[in-house]
Amino acid sequence: MKILYAGPPIERLHEEYAKQGRLDENAPVKSSTSIVIDAPAEKVWKLLADMNGWPEWRSDAYVVELGEMKPDATFRWNIRGSAIRSTFAVVEPERELTWTGVAMGYIKAIDRMRLDATENGRTRVTIEESMSGPLLTLFYSSAKLREGHEDMLRMLKTAAEGRRIADARPR
């Protein structure tokens, strides 16, 4: 029953899933979404990798503690009021940033961001995530996760393309 699904232990999710480019396909909450940004992967990566600088372009998240950005290094951050303890799984500059995380002591997630160069110096950014934890679906859904990813990608696109937030709003 998905409502009680706890998923594999976080150590297994980290080593056997995240480091291998996999999500937990059995997780009850999952999302995958992409956007094409009119900027090179180098510029997009700089925004993503400067995690302490996130508040300059990302209104929903900030880092509390960050050391070296390398596989198996930990960091702590907040997103929309939730404190998360995370561990980097993959750090490939201009290509991929993946981590595992635990929120509220029992919700486990794999976050994967991939950057792919496209024609004319543009970059496709894809965010994939799986989340598990008993009773998670009582207060969180795949649709809500996708909405958060789409918001983050819009903010990233605005920052990478050098536009102001007001210029990025739909008319």
Protein backbone atom coordinates (compact mmCIF):
# COMPACT_ATOMS: atom_id res chain seq x y z
CA MET A 1 0.00 0.00 0.00
CA LYS A 2 1.55 3.30 -1.17
CA ILE A 3 0.30 5.32 1.81
CA LEU A 4 2.53 3.28 4.13
CA TYR A 5 5.50 2.96 1.75
CA ALA A 6 8.69 3.91 3.61
CA GLY A 7 11.11 3.10 0.79
CA PRO A 8 14.63 1.71 1.08
CA PRO A 9 16.92 2.99 3.85
CA ILE A 10 18.49 6.37 3.01
CA GLU A 11 21.96 4.79 2.75
CA ARG A 12 20.71 2.39 0.07
CA LEU A 13 18.87 5.18 -1.77
CA HIS A 14 22.11 7.16 -1.78
CA GLU A 15 24.50 4.42 -2.90
CA GLU A 16 22.33 2.18 -5.11
CA TYR A 17 19.92 4.72 -6.54
CA ALA A 18 21.16 8.34 -6.54
CA LYS A 19 24.80 7.58 -7.32
CA GLN A 20 23.64 5.29 -10.13
CA GLY A 21 21.34 7.89 -11.71
CA ARG A 22 18.16 6.20 -10.47
CA LEU A 23 15.10 7.38 -8.61
CA ASP A 24 12.92 5.20 -6.38
CA GLU A 25 10.32 4.17 -8.97
CA ASN A 26 8.14 2.70 -6.19
CA ALA A 27 7.97 6.00 -4.30
CA PRO A 28 4.44 7.38 -4.03
CA VAL A 29 5.52 10.94 -4.90
CA LYS A 30 7.55 11.50 -8.09
CA SER A 31 8.10 14.24 -10.63
CA SER A 32 10.15 14.91 -13.73
CA THR A 33 10.06 18.20 -15.62
CA SER A 34 12.32 20.17 -17.96
CA ILE A 35 12.85 23.65 -19.31
CA VAL A 36 15.10 25.07 -22.03
CA ILE A 37 17.12 28.08 -20.92
CA ASP A 38 18.62 30.55 -23.35
CA ALA A 39 22.05 30.42 -21.67
CA PRO A 40 25.05 28.07 -21.81
CA ALA A 41 25.37 25.20 -19.31
CA GLU A 42 28.31 26.98 -17.67
CA LYS A 43 26.11 29.92 -16.65
CA VAL A 44 23.24 27.71 -15.49
CA TRP A 45 25.64 25.52 -13.49
CA LYS A 46 27.13 28.56 -11.74
CA LEU A 47 23.67 29.50 -10.45
CA LEU A 48 22.88 25.97 -9.26
CA ALA A 49 26.32 25.32 -7.74
CA ASP A 50 26.44 28.63 -5.84
CA MET A 51 24.04 27.26 -3.26
CA ASN A 52 24.77 30.03 -0.76
CA GLY A 53 23.67 32.46 -3.48
CA TRP A 54 20.31 30.77 -4.11
CA PRO A 55 18.28 33.50 -2.34
CA GLU A 56 19.45 35.96 -5.00
CA TRP A 57 17.35 34.16 -7.62
CA ARG A 58 15.38 31.49 -5.80
CA SER A 59 12.68 32.67 -3.39
CA ASP A 60 11.71 29.27 -1.98
CA ALA A 61 15.01 27.88 -0.62
CA TYR A 62 18.20 28.76 1.21
CA VAL A 63 21.22 26.86 2.50
CA VAL A 64 21.91 26.70 6.24
CA GLU A 65 25.20 24.76 6.20
CA LEU A 66 27.41 23.90 3.24
CA GLY A 67 30.93 22.55 3.03
CA GLU A 68 32.66 21.23 -0.05
CA MET A 69 30.43 20.28 -2.96
CA LYS A 70 31.51 16.69 -3.65
CA PRO A 71 29.97 13.21 -3.48
CA ASP A 72 29.17 12.10 0.08
CA ALA A 73 29.53 15.64 1.51
CA THR A 74 26.53 16.79 3.52
CA PHE A 75 24.65 20.06 3.63
CA ARG A 76 21.56 21.43 5.32
CA TRP A 77 18.96 23.63 3.69
CA ASN A 78 15.39 24.86 3.93
CA ILE A 79 12.72 24.83 1.26
CA ARG A 80 9.32 26.40 1.82
CA GLY A 81 9.79 26.14 5.58
CA SER A 82 10.96 22.50 5.68
CA ALA A 83 14.43 21.75 7.05
CA ILE A 84 16.31 19.12 5.03
CA ARG A 85 19.55 17.25 5.71
CA SER A 86 21.11 16.21 2.38
CA THR A 87 24.14 14.40 0.99
CA PHE A 88 25.57 14.99 -2.48
CA ALA A 89 25.56 11.84 -4.64
CA VAL A 90 26.71 13.17 -8.03
CA VAL A 91 28.52 16.44 -8.70
CA GLU A 92 29.49 16.73 -12.38
CA PRO A 93 29.99 20.41 -13.26
CA GLU A 94 27.79 21.61 -16.10
CA ARG A 95 26.15 18.16 -16.34
CA GLU A 96 24.53 16.82 -13.15
CA LEU A 97 23.83 17.64 -9.51
CA THR A 98 22.16 14.89 -7.48
CA TRP A 99 21.61 14.46 -3.77
CA THR A 100 19.59 12.48 -1.27
CA GLY A 101 17.81 14.10 1.63
CA VAL A 102 15.74 13.51 4.73
CA ALA A 103 13.04 15.86 6.03
CA MET A 104 11.07 15.59 9.26
CA GLY A 105 13.19 12.57 10.17
CA TYR A 106 11.35 10.12 7.94
CA ILE A 107 10.65 11.58 4.49
CA LYS A 108 13.37 10.46 2.08
CA ALA A 109 14.06 11.99 -1.31
CA ILE A 110 16.37 11.75 -4.28
CA ASP A 111 16.81 15.04 -6.18
CA ARG A 112 18.47 14.92 -9.58
CA MET A 113 19.19 17.93 -11.82
CA ARG A 114 20.65 17.32 -15.26
CA LEU A 115 21.95 19.92 -17.70
CA ASP A 116 22.11 19.13 -21.41
CA ALA A 117 23.53 21.54 -23.98
CA THR A 118 21.18 22.11 -26.92
CA GLU A 119 21.50 24.05 -30.17
CA ASN A 120 22.57 27.68 -30.20
CA GLY A 121 24.18 27.66 -26.75
CA ARG A 122 20.99 26.83 -24.89
CA THR A 123 20.63 24.40 -21.97
CA ARG A 124 17.88 21.92 -21.15
CA VAL A 125 17.55 21.51 -17.38
CA THR A 126 15.66 18.46 -16.13
CA ILE A 127 14.66 18.00 -12.51
CA GLU A 128 13.64 14.56 -11.32
CA GLU A 129 12.71 13.62 -7.78
CA SER A 130 11.23 10.74 -5.84
CA MET A 131 9.94 10.99 -2.28
CA SER A 132 8.84 8.33 0.16
CA GLY A 133 7.74 8.06 3.75
CA PRO A 134 4.79 6.61 5.63
CA LEU A 135 1.68 8.80 5.30
CA LEU A 136 3.48 11.24 2.95
CA THR A 137 0.61 11.18 0.45
CA LEU A 138 -1.81 12.44 3.11
CA PHE A 139 -0.19 15.89 2.89
CA TYR A 140 1.95 15.93 -0.27
CA SER A 141 1.46 14.82 -3.89
CA SER A 142 3.31 14.38 -7.16
CA ALA A 143 1.34 17.34 -8.56
CA LYS A 144 2.53 19.61 -5.72
CA LEU A 145 6.14 18.42 -6.21
CA ARG A 146 5.91 19.12 -9.95
CA GLU A 147 4.52 22.60 -9.27
CA GLY A 148 7.52 23.35 -7.02
CA HIS A 149 9.91 22.09 -9.70
CA GLU A 150 8.25 24.22 -12.38
CA ASP A 151 8.48 27.30 -10.13
CA MET A 152 12.17 26.66 -9.45
CA LEU A 153 12.92 26.14 -13.15
CA ARG A 154 11.15 29.42 -14.05
CA MET A 155 13.24 31.26 -11.43
CA LEU A 156 16.43 29.62 -12.74
CA LYS A 157 15.54 30.52 -16.33
CA THR A 158 14.88 34.15 -15.37
CA ALA A 159 18.20 34.42 -13.52
CA ALA A 160 20.26 32.64 -16.20
CA GLU A 161 18.78 34.69 -19.02
CA GLY A 162 19.51 37.89 -17.10
CA ARG A 163 15.90 39.02 -16.94
CA ARG A 164 14.28 40.68 -13.99
CA ILE A 165 11.49 38.84 -12.16
CA ALA A 166 8.93 41.40 -13.36
CA ASP A 167 9.96 40.70 -16.99
CA ALA A 168 9.34 36.97 -16.51
CA ARG A 169 5.73 37.24 -15.33
CA PRO A 170 3.05 36.14 -17.83
CA ARG A 171 1.06 38.98 -19.36
